[in-house]
Amino acid sequence: MKVTKLHPDAAEVRSIMPSKALGEVKYEIRGQLAHHADELEKRGYEIISLNIGNPGLFGFRTPETMRLAMIENLGQAEPYCHQKGIFPAREAVVMQQQNRGVQHVTAEEVFIGNGVSELIDLSLRALLNPGDEVLVPSPDYPLWSAAVVLNGGTPRYYECLPENGFVPDPAAIEALITPRTRAIVLINPNHPSGAVYDREVLEQIADLAARHSVLVMADEIYDQMVYDDAEFVPFATLAGTGVCLTFSGLSKVYRACGYRVGWCVFGGDLDKAKDYVHAMELLAALRLCSNVPSQWAVQTALGGFQSICDLVQPGGRLYQSRQCVIDRVNGSPYLSMHAPMGAMYAFIKLHDRFAGRLDDQQFALELLENRHVLVAPGSSFNTTYSDHFRITTLPDPDMLHVVFDRIDDILVQHV
């Protein structure tokens, strides 16, 4: 049989197209503005990048004991480990939970992953069927919305309003629950707003989640980054007869973003979570295991001296930088904000005088192109408004003063 080869011109030439699901996904923290910043740097401009909370870029160091723990255990880190993670790391997470008042948790309910980001994706993949709904805060950390969409779900947003200090309204959350609702996402301390939720609000959310049999996914990566009289309340201590999944890791509190170590741990009524735990274990096994060398830093991190406490107290580096931002915003005729009580960001509002003339996207672009400062537009965090922008508060006060001088340079042109 003679086979005739088609000339390329004789066949339809088709491009390799990406998944249509990506059309609904945005992650502007490393989106078009960040790509534009890269291009400017290649042309020789020095960019002050405030779009990502990356402590190592601003002089913060991972505790030396964590680095030593990794080095000393490299010989044990060459084989694959258990799909949930090495036992010492998981047991250290259990001990931390117990010290915070969370009972009946064992290493079997702990999963170690390549950062919290991987575990968000894995946990939603184990949970969602096509069309299921997840209640997500607005503003949110956009990875949550993206992961819901990519795993076949639909994000529905409960607004954390600026006039309420970005604290969620439990009644508004409950009003959004439908038979398709599978989970409620809580980010506390909050990114991007810096709000820290009080016990009463969390108790109400725990109660409604239990009554509606809805999982609570508590993103607590900034758990020890709280300021002044703010109190962090672990959601798992309030879960009661409901089920929660708590996320945290080494990236922020322990300044070890590049180690890519996060964990999630089940809490509440664990009997109700057995099938879900098994589904998580299956998905964890499919990727064999997470980064083993870095897991050896977890026990030392959680059991050792908590240096973050000094950084967030008056006189500490994080506290001073946050205070510098508060002072500059309060002294500006063009800006306002709710003072962040947690995390490492400021969510700043442009004055109403700019409404209709300058939105967050245009402002961020002008600031980058003309004054070489990269910020994240507020609408990148799935808000219904476009008059905020977010910066990280990690730079030292001297750099922050430079940043706000440049912000004023842009805004004064629009007065």
Protein backbone atom coordinates (compact mmCIF):
# COMPACT_ATOMS: atom_id res chain seq x y z
CA MET A 1 0.00 0.00 0.00
CA LYS A 2 1.41 3.33 -1.05
CA VAL A 3 1.37 6.03 1.64
CA THR A 4 1.19 9.58 0.35
CA LYS A 5 2.92 12.15 2.50
CA LEU A 6 1.03 15.38 2.81
CA HIS A 7 2.94 18.54 2.03
CA PRO A 8 2.71 20.95 4.98
CA ASP A 9 0.70 23.31 2.82
CA ALA A 10 -1.79 20.56 2.07
CA ALA A 11 -2.70 20.00 5.71
CA GLU A 12 -4.32 22.39 8.12
CA VAL A 13 -1.64 23.88 10.35
CA ARG A 14 -2.97 24.25 13.88
CA SER A 15 -1.35 25.83 16.91
CA ILE A 16 -1.11 23.95 20.18
CA MET A 17 -3.72 25.71 22.29
CA PRO A 18 -3.80 25.85 26.11
CA SER A 19 -6.67 24.71 28.30
CA LYS A 20 -9.76 26.89 28.04
CA ALA A 21 -9.94 26.82 31.85
CA LEU A 22 -6.96 29.15 31.96
CA GLY A 23 -9.08 31.84 30.34
CA GLU A 24 -10.79 32.31 33.70
CA VAL A 25 -7.56 32.36 35.71
CA LYS A 26 -5.61 35.47 36.64
CA TYR A 27 -2.58 35.89 38.84
CA GLU A 28 -1.52 39.48 38.33
CA ILE A 29 0.92 39.38 41.24
CA ARG A 30 3.23 37.85 38.64
CA GLY A 31 1.26 38.97 35.60
CA GLN A 32 1.68 41.57 32.87
CA LEU A 33 3.07 44.29 35.14
CA ALA A 34 5.71 41.91 36.51
CA HIS A 35 6.68 40.91 32.95
CA HIS A 36 6.96 44.59 32.05
CA ALA A 37 9.18 45.12 35.11
CA ASP A 38 11.45 42.31 33.87
CA GLU A 39 11.73 44.04 30.49
CA LEU A 40 12.64 47.34 32.14
CA GLU A 41 15.33 45.62 34.22
CA LYS A 42 16.81 44.08 31.07
CA ARG A 43 17.05 47.62 29.70
CA GLY A 44 19.07 48.66 32.74
CA TYR A 45 16.47 50.19 35.04
CA GLU A 46 16.54 49.34 38.74
CA ILE A 47 13.04 48.30 39.84
CA ILE A 48 11.82 48.34 43.44
CA SER A 49 9.59 45.25 43.40
CA LEU A 50 6.87 45.33 46.05
CA ASN A 51 4.49 42.93 44.31
CA ILE A 52 5.48 39.80 46.25
CA GLY A 53 6.09 39.14 49.95
CA ASN A 54 9.57 37.66 49.56
CA PRO A 55 11.54 38.30 52.79
CA GLY A 56 14.92 37.13 51.47
CA LEU A 57 14.98 39.93 48.87
CA PHE A 58 14.86 42.53 51.64
CA GLY A 59 17.63 41.28 53.92
CA PHE A 60 15.66 38.85 56.10
CA ARG A 61 17.41 35.55 56.73
CA THR A 62 16.16 32.08 57.52
CA PRO A 63 17.22 31.08 61.06
CA GLU A 64 20.66 29.46 60.98
CA THR A 65 19.44 26.44 62.96
CA MET A 66 17.06 25.55 60.12
CA ARG A 67 19.85 25.61 57.55
CA LEU A 68 22.02 23.44 59.79
CA ALA A 69 19.19 20.94 60.30
CA MET A 70 18.90 20.51 56.53
CA ILE A 71 22.65 20.14 56.04
CA GLU A 72 23.01 17.58 58.81
CA ASN A 73 20.23 15.40 57.37
CA LEU A 74 21.11 15.55 53.68
CA GLY A 75 22.28 11.97 53.80
CA GLN A 76 18.79 10.86 54.81
CA ALA A 77 17.12 13.06 52.22
CA GLU A 78 18.14 11.23 49.06
CA PRO A 79 15.35 8.58 48.90
CA TYR A 80 11.65 9.34 48.47
CA CYS A 81 9.90 9.74 51.79
CA HIS A 82 6.31 8.92 52.77
CA GLN A 83 3.80 10.71 50.55
CA LYS A 84 2.54 12.71 53.54
CA GLY A 85 6.05 13.80 54.51
CA ILE A 86 8.75 12.72 56.92
CA PHE A 87 7.48 11.77 60.36
CA PRO A 88 9.57 14.30 62.39
CA ALA A 89 8.12 17.18 60.34
CA ARG A 90 4.54 15.95 60.65
CA GLU A 91 4.92 15.28 64.37
CA ALA A 92 6.31 18.80 64.85
CA VAL A 93 3.15 20.20 63.25
CA VAL A 94 1.04 18.03 65.59
CA MET A 95 2.93 19.37 68.61
CA GLN A 96 2.38 22.95 67.44
CA GLN A 97 -1.34 22.29 67.05
CA GLN A 98 -1.56 20.71 70.49
CA ASN A 99 0.27 23.66 72.05
CA ARG A 100 -2.37 25.91 70.51
CA GLY A 101 -5.20 23.90 72.01
CA VAL A 102 -6.10 21.68 69.05
CA GLN A 103 -6.89 18.19 70.28
CA HIS A 104 -7.12 14.69 68.73
CA VAL A 105 -4.74 15.40 65.83
CA THR A 106 -2.06 12.89 64.88
CA ALA A 107 0.62 12.79 62.22
CA GLU A 108 -1.83 10.82 60.06
CA GLU A 109 -3.85 14.01 59.52
CA VAL A 110 -0.84 16.11 58.47
CA PHE A 111 0.38 16.53 54.88
CA ILE A 112 3.68 18.19 53.98
CA GLY A 113 3.84 19.79 50.54
CA ASN A 114 6.00 21.88 48.25
CA GLY A 115 4.72 25.06 49.84
CA VAL A 116 1.15 25.88 50.77
CA SER A 117 0.49 26.62 47.09
CA GLU A 118 0.79 22.95 46.14
CA LEU A 119 -1.42 21.88 49.03
CA ILE A 120 -4.15 24.36 48.11
CA ASP A 121 -4.30 22.82 44.65
CA LEU A 122 -4.10 19.24 45.93
CA SER A 123 -6.78 19.73 48.60
CA LEU A 124 -9.22 21.33 46.17
CA ARG A 125 -8.59 18.60 43.60
CA ALA A 126 -9.47 16.01 46.25
CA LEU A 127 -12.64 17.89 47.20
CA LEU A 128 -14.36 19.32 44.14
CA ASN A 129 -16.66 17.93 41.47
CA PRO A 130 -17.47 19.99 38.37
CA GLY A 131 -19.71 22.91 39.28
CA ASP A 132 -19.10 22.74 43.04
CA GLU A 133 -18.81 26.12 44.75
CA VAL A 134 -16.19 27.47 47.13
CA LEU A 135 -16.78 30.66 49.09
CA VAL A 136 -13.70 32.87 48.77
CA PRO A 137 -13.08 36.27 50.38
CA SER A 138 -12.92 39.44 48.33
CA PRO A 139 -10.21 40.68 48.38
CA ASP A 140 -8.51 37.29 48.24
CA TYR A 141 -5.12 35.80 47.61
CA PRO A 142 -5.77 35.04 43.91
CA LEU A 143 -4.20 31.58 44.01
CA TRP A 144 -7.31 30.41 45.85
CA SER A 145 -9.65 31.55 43.09
CA ALA A 146 -7.36 30.15 40.40
CA ALA A 147 -7.10 26.76 42.10
CA VAL A 148 -10.88 26.52 42.48
CA VAL A 149 -11.38 27.20 38.77
CA LEU A 150 -8.62 24.86 37.63
CA ASN A 151 -10.13 22.05 39.66
CA GLY A 152 -13.58 22.42 38.14
CA GLY A 153 -15.18 24.56 40.83
CA THR A 154 -16.77 27.98 40.90
CA PRO A 155 -15.51 30.66 43.30
CA ARG A 156 -18.26 32.72 44.91
CA TYR A 157 -17.06 35.80 46.71
CA TYR A 158 -18.08 37.07 50.12
CA GLU A 159 -17.06 40.69 50.43
CA CYS A 160 -14.82 41.82 53.25
CA LEU A 161 -15.73 45.48 53.00
CA PRO A 162 -13.21 48.29 53.56
CA GLU A 163 -15.75 50.13 55.71
CA ASN A 164 -15.81 47.08 58.04
CA GLY A 165 -12.03 46.93 58.26
CA PHE A 166 -12.00 44.03 55.76
CA VAL A 167 -13.46 41.69 58.39
CA PRO A 168 -15.97 39.17 56.97
CA ASP A 169 -19.66 39.25 57.86
CA PRO A 170 -20.72 35.71 58.89
CA ALA A 171 -24.35 36.41 57.92
CA ALA A 172 -23.26 37.42 54.40
CA ILE A 173 -21.21 34.22 54.13
CA GLU A 174 -24.15 32.07 55.19
CA ALA A 175 -26.43 33.79 52.68
CA LEU A 176 -24.18 32.56 49.85
CA ILE A 177 -24.32 28.88 50.84
CA THR A 178 -26.16 26.63 48.37
CA PRO A 179 -26.40 22.83 48.01
CA ARG A 180 -23.29 23.07 45.77
CA THR A 181 -21.16 24.80 48.42
CA ARG A 182 -18.28 22.56 49.49
CA ALA A 183 -15.92 24.88 51.35
CA ILE A 184 -15.33 28.32 52.86
CA VAL A 185 -11.86 29.83 52.51
CA LEU A 186 -10.59 31.97 55.40
CA ILE A 187 -7.31 33.88 55.14
CA ASN A 188 -6.32 34.98 58.64
CA PRO A 189 -4.21 37.03 59.23
CA ASN A 190 -5.48 38.35 55.95
CA HIS A 191 -3.58 38.84 52.73
CA PRO A 192 -3.84 41.44 51.23
CA SER A 193 -5.69 43.60 53.78
CA GLY A 194 -3.75 42.80 56.96
CA ALA A 195 -6.98 42.29 58.92
CA VAL A 196 -6.88 39.88 61.86
CA TYR A 197 -10.24 38.28 62.67
CA ASP A 198 -11.49 38.28 66.24
CA ARG A 199 -12.70 35.22 68.09
CA GLU A 200 -16.42 36.09 67.87
CA VAL A 201 -16.36 36.31 64.06
CA LEU A 202 -14.48 33.02 63.78
CA GLU A 203 -16.87 31.29 66.20
CA GLN A 204 -19.84 32.36 64.09
CA ILE A 205 -18.18 31.06 60.92
CA ALA A 206 -17.33 27.77 62.65
CA ASP A 207 -20.95 27.40 63.75
CA LEU A 208 -22.47 28.04 60.33
CA ALA A 209 -19.94 25.79 58.59
CA ALA A 210 -20.77 22.92 60.97
CA ARG A 211 -24.53 23.42 60.53
CA HIS A 212 -24.23 23.33 56.74
CA SER A 213 -21.59 20.54 56.65
CA VAL A 214 -19.17 22.78 54.77
CA LEU A 215 -15.40 22.39 55.05
CA VAL A 216 -13.44 25.42 56.28
CA MET A 217 -10.06 25.90 54.60
CA ALA A 218 -8.07 28.14 56.94
CA ASP A 219 -5.05 29.78 55.32
CA GLU A 220 -2.94 30.74 58.35
CA ILE A 221 0.48 31.18 56.74
CA TYR A 222 0.94 34.51 58.58
CA ASP A 223 -0.14 33.10 61.95
CA GLN A 224 2.62 34.70 64.07
CA MET A 225 2.80 37.97 62.14
CA VAL A 226 0.47 40.12 64.25
CA TYR A 227 1.03 43.60 65.63
CA ASP A 228 0.11 45.68 68.68
CA ASP A 229 -2.90 44.20 70.48
CA ALA A 230 -4.09 41.94 67.64
CA GLU A 231 -4.64 38.30 68.66
CA PHE A 232 -4.35 35.40 66.25
CA VAL A 233 -6.95 32.71 66.97
CA PRO A 234 -6.30 29.33 65.28
CA PHE A 235 -9.51 28.30 63.56
CA ALA A 236 -9.01 24.63 64.44
CA THR A 237 -9.53 25.47 68.13
CA LEU A 238 -13.09 26.51 67.27
CA ALA A 239 -14.03 23.91 64.63
CA GLY A 240 -16.11 21.81 67.06
CA THR A 241 -18.33 19.36 65.19
CA GLY A 242 -17.30 20.77 61.83
CA VAL A 243 -14.23 19.94 59.76
CA CYS A 244 -11.40 22.30 58.92
CA LEU A 245 -8.14 22.12 57.04
CA THR A 246 -5.43 24.47 58.28
CA PHE A 247 -2.61 25.62 55.99
CA SER A 248 0.75 27.04 57.06
CA GLY A 249 4.43 26.72 56.25
CA LEU A 250 7.98 28.02 56.44
CA SER A 251 7.84 30.73 53.78
CA LYS A 252 6.69 33.78 55.71
CA VAL A 253 7.10 33.46 59.48
CA TYR A 254 10.43 31.62 59.06
CA ARG A 255 11.56 33.65 56.01
CA ALA A 256 12.23 30.50 53.97
CA CYS A 257 10.23 31.02 50.76
CA GLY A 258 12.74 29.17 48.60
CA TYR A 259 12.64 26.05 50.76
CA ARG A 260 9.11 25.38 49.47
CA VAL A 261 7.74 23.69 52.57
CA GLY A 262 4.14 23.97 53.64
CA TRP A 263 1.71 21.78 55.52
CA CYS A 264 -1.99 21.27 55.97
CA VAL A 265 -3.58 19.58 58.95
CA PHE A 266 -7.13 18.38 59.53
CA GLY A 267 -9.07 19.54 62.56
CA GLY A 268 -12.56 19.32 64.04
CA ASP A 269 -14.59 16.12 63.84
CA LEU A 270 -12.04 13.87 62.13
CA ASP A 271 -14.53 11.00 61.73
CA LYS A 272 -16.32 13.14 59.13
CA ALA A 273 -13.08 13.64 57.20
CA LYS A 274 -11.89 10.03 56.77
CA ASP A 275 -12.79 9.68 53.09
CA TYR A 276 -11.38 13.10 52.31
CA VAL A 277 -8.11 12.26 54.08
CA HIS A 278 -7.85 9.08 51.97
CA ALA A 279 -8.44 11.12 48.79
CA MET A 280 -5.71 13.54 49.81
CA GLU A 281 -3.36 10.64 50.47
CA LEU A 282 -4.01 9.21 47.00
CA LEU A 283 -3.19 12.51 45.33
CA ALA A 284 -0.12 12.97 47.52
CA ALA A 285 1.08 9.51 46.48
CA LEU A 286 0.71 10.35 42.79
CA ARG A 287 3.43 12.97 43.15
CA LEU A 288 5.47 10.53 45.33
CA CYS A 289 6.54 13.08 47.94
CA SER A 290 7.48 16.70 48.47
CA ASN A 291 10.99 18.16 48.70
CA VAL A 292 12.71 16.00 51.35
CA PRO A 293 15.81 18.05 52.34
CA SER A 294 13.75 21.09 53.35
CA GLN A 295 11.37 18.99 55.43
CA TRP A 296 14.19 18.42 57.90
CA ALA A 297 14.00 22.13 58.80
CA VAL A 298 10.40 21.90 60.04
CA GLN A 299 11.04 20.31 63.44
CA THR A 300 13.79 22.81 64.22
CA ALA A 301 11.67 25.72 63.02
CA LEU A 302 8.58 24.90 65.05
CA GLY A 303 10.43 23.70 68.14
CA GLY A 304 13.13 26.36 68.29
CA PHE A 305 13.34 30.02 69.23
CA GLN A 306 10.58 31.97 67.45
CA SER A 307 12.59 34.91 66.15
CA ILE A 308 9.52 36.30 64.39
CA CYS A 309 8.28 37.53 67.78
CA ASP A 310 11.09 40.08 68.01
CA LEU A 311 10.53 41.24 64.43
CA VAL A 312 6.85 42.12 64.97
CA GLN A 313 7.28 43.85 68.34
CA PRO A 314 7.91 47.62 68.69
CA GLY A 315 11.50 48.21 67.63
CA GLY A 316 11.54 45.10 65.43
CA ARG A 317 12.26 45.38 61.74
CA LEU A 318 8.78 44.33 60.54
CA TYR A 319 7.10 46.58 63.07
CA GLN A 320 9.20 49.59 62.08
CA SER A 321 8.53 49.12 58.38
CA ARG A 322 4.80 48.73 58.99
CA GLN A 323 4.80 51.88 61.11
CA CYS A 324 6.64 53.78 58.39
CA VAL A 325 3.91 52.83 55.90
CA ILE A 326 1.18 53.86 58.34
CA ASP A 327 2.85 57.23 58.93
CA ARG A 328 3.37 57.95 55.24
CA VAL A 329 -0.20 57.03 54.31
CA ASN A 330 -1.65 59.03 57.18
CA GLY A 331 0.45 62.03 56.12
CA SER A 332 -0.58 61.84 52.47
CA PRO A 333 -3.44 63.90 50.97
CA TYR A 334 -3.76 61.26 48.25
CA LEU A 335 -3.94 57.97 50.19
CA SER A 336 -5.75 56.19 53.02
CA MET A 337 -5.87 52.69 54.49
CA HIS A 338 -6.87 50.53 57.42
CA ALA A 339 -3.68 49.91 59.37
CA PRO A 340 -2.61 46.28 58.81
CA MET A 341 -2.75 44.33 62.05
CA GLY A 342 -1.15 41.21 60.60
CA ALA A 343 0.90 39.77 57.72
CA MET A 344 3.42 41.77 55.64
CA TYR A 345 1.32 43.94 53.33
CA ALA A 346 -0.53 47.23 53.13
CA PHE A 347 -3.72 47.54 51.07
CA ILE A 348 -3.82 51.23 50.23
CA LYS A 349 -6.70 53.27 48.81
CA LEU A 350 -6.36 56.07 46.28
CA HIS A 351 -8.24 59.21 47.31
CA ASP A 352 -11.77 59.64 45.96
CA ARG A 353 -10.58 62.70 44.02
CA PHE A 354 -8.99 60.29 41.51
CA ALA A 355 -12.24 58.42 40.83
CA GLY A 356 -12.97 58.25 37.12
CA ARG A 357 -9.56 59.67 36.26
CA LEU A 358 -7.06 57.16 37.65
CA ASP A 359 -7.79 53.54 38.48
CA ASP A 360 -5.49 51.03 40.14
CA GLN A 361 -4.23 49.48 36.88
CA GLN A 362 -3.33 52.82 35.30
CA PHE A 363 -1.70 54.03 38.51
CA ALA A 364 0.40 50.87 38.84
CA LEU A 365 1.51 51.11 35.21
CA GLU A 366 2.50 54.78 35.51
CA LEU A 367 4.33 54.13 38.77
CA LEU A 368 6.30 51.31 37.15
CA GLU A 369 7.11 53.03 33.87
CA ASN A 370 7.88 56.48 35.23
CA ARG A 371 9.17 55.90 38.76
CA HIS A 372 10.26 52.22 38.56
CA VAL A 373 8.25 50.88 41.50
CA LEU A 374 6.24 47.67 41.02
CA VAL A 375 3.04 47.29 43.06
CA ALA A 376 0.00 45.01 42.72
CA PRO A 377 -3.28 46.66 41.64
CA GLY A 378 -6.05 46.02 44.15
CA SER A 379 -8.40 44.61 41.54
CA SER A 380 -5.89 41.77 41.09
CA PHE A 381 -7.30 40.41 44.36
CA ASN A 382 -10.80 39.89 42.94
CA THR A 383 -12.39 43.06 44.28
CA THR A 384 -15.45 44.85 42.88
CA TYR A 385 -13.61 48.19 43.10
CA SER A 386 -10.47 49.47 41.41
CA ASP A 387 -9.09 52.16 43.71
CA HIS A 388 -6.65 50.17 45.88
CA PHE A 389 -3.13 48.88 45.47
CA ARG A 390 -1.08 46.48 47.57
CA ILE A 391 2.56 46.69 48.59
CA THR A 392 4.67 44.47 50.78
CA THR A 393 5.90 46.15 53.95
CA LEU A 394 9.17 44.20 53.94
CA PRO A 395 11.56 46.99 52.80
CA ASP A 396 13.37 48.98 55.47
CA PRO A 397 12.00 52.46 56.29
CA ASP A 398 14.62 54.24 54.16
CA MET A 399 13.49 52.37 51.04
CA LEU A 400 9.83 52.86 51.94
CA HIS A 401 10.31 56.62 52.14
CA VAL A 402 11.76 56.52 48.62
CA VAL A 403 8.76 54.49 47.47
CA PHE A 404 6.19 56.90 48.88
CA ASP A 405 8.04 59.91 47.49
CA ARG A 406 7.75 58.29 44.06
CA ILE A 407 4.07 57.49 44.62
CA ASP A 408 3.45 61.16 45.45
CA ASP A 409 5.32 62.16 42.28
CA ILE A 410 2.81 60.18 40.20
CA LEU A 411 -0.34 61.20 42.06
CA VAL A 412 0.39 64.93 42.15
CA GLN A 413 0.26 64.92 38.35
CA HIS A 414 -3.40 63.86 38.52
CA VAL A 415 -4.59 66.38 41.08
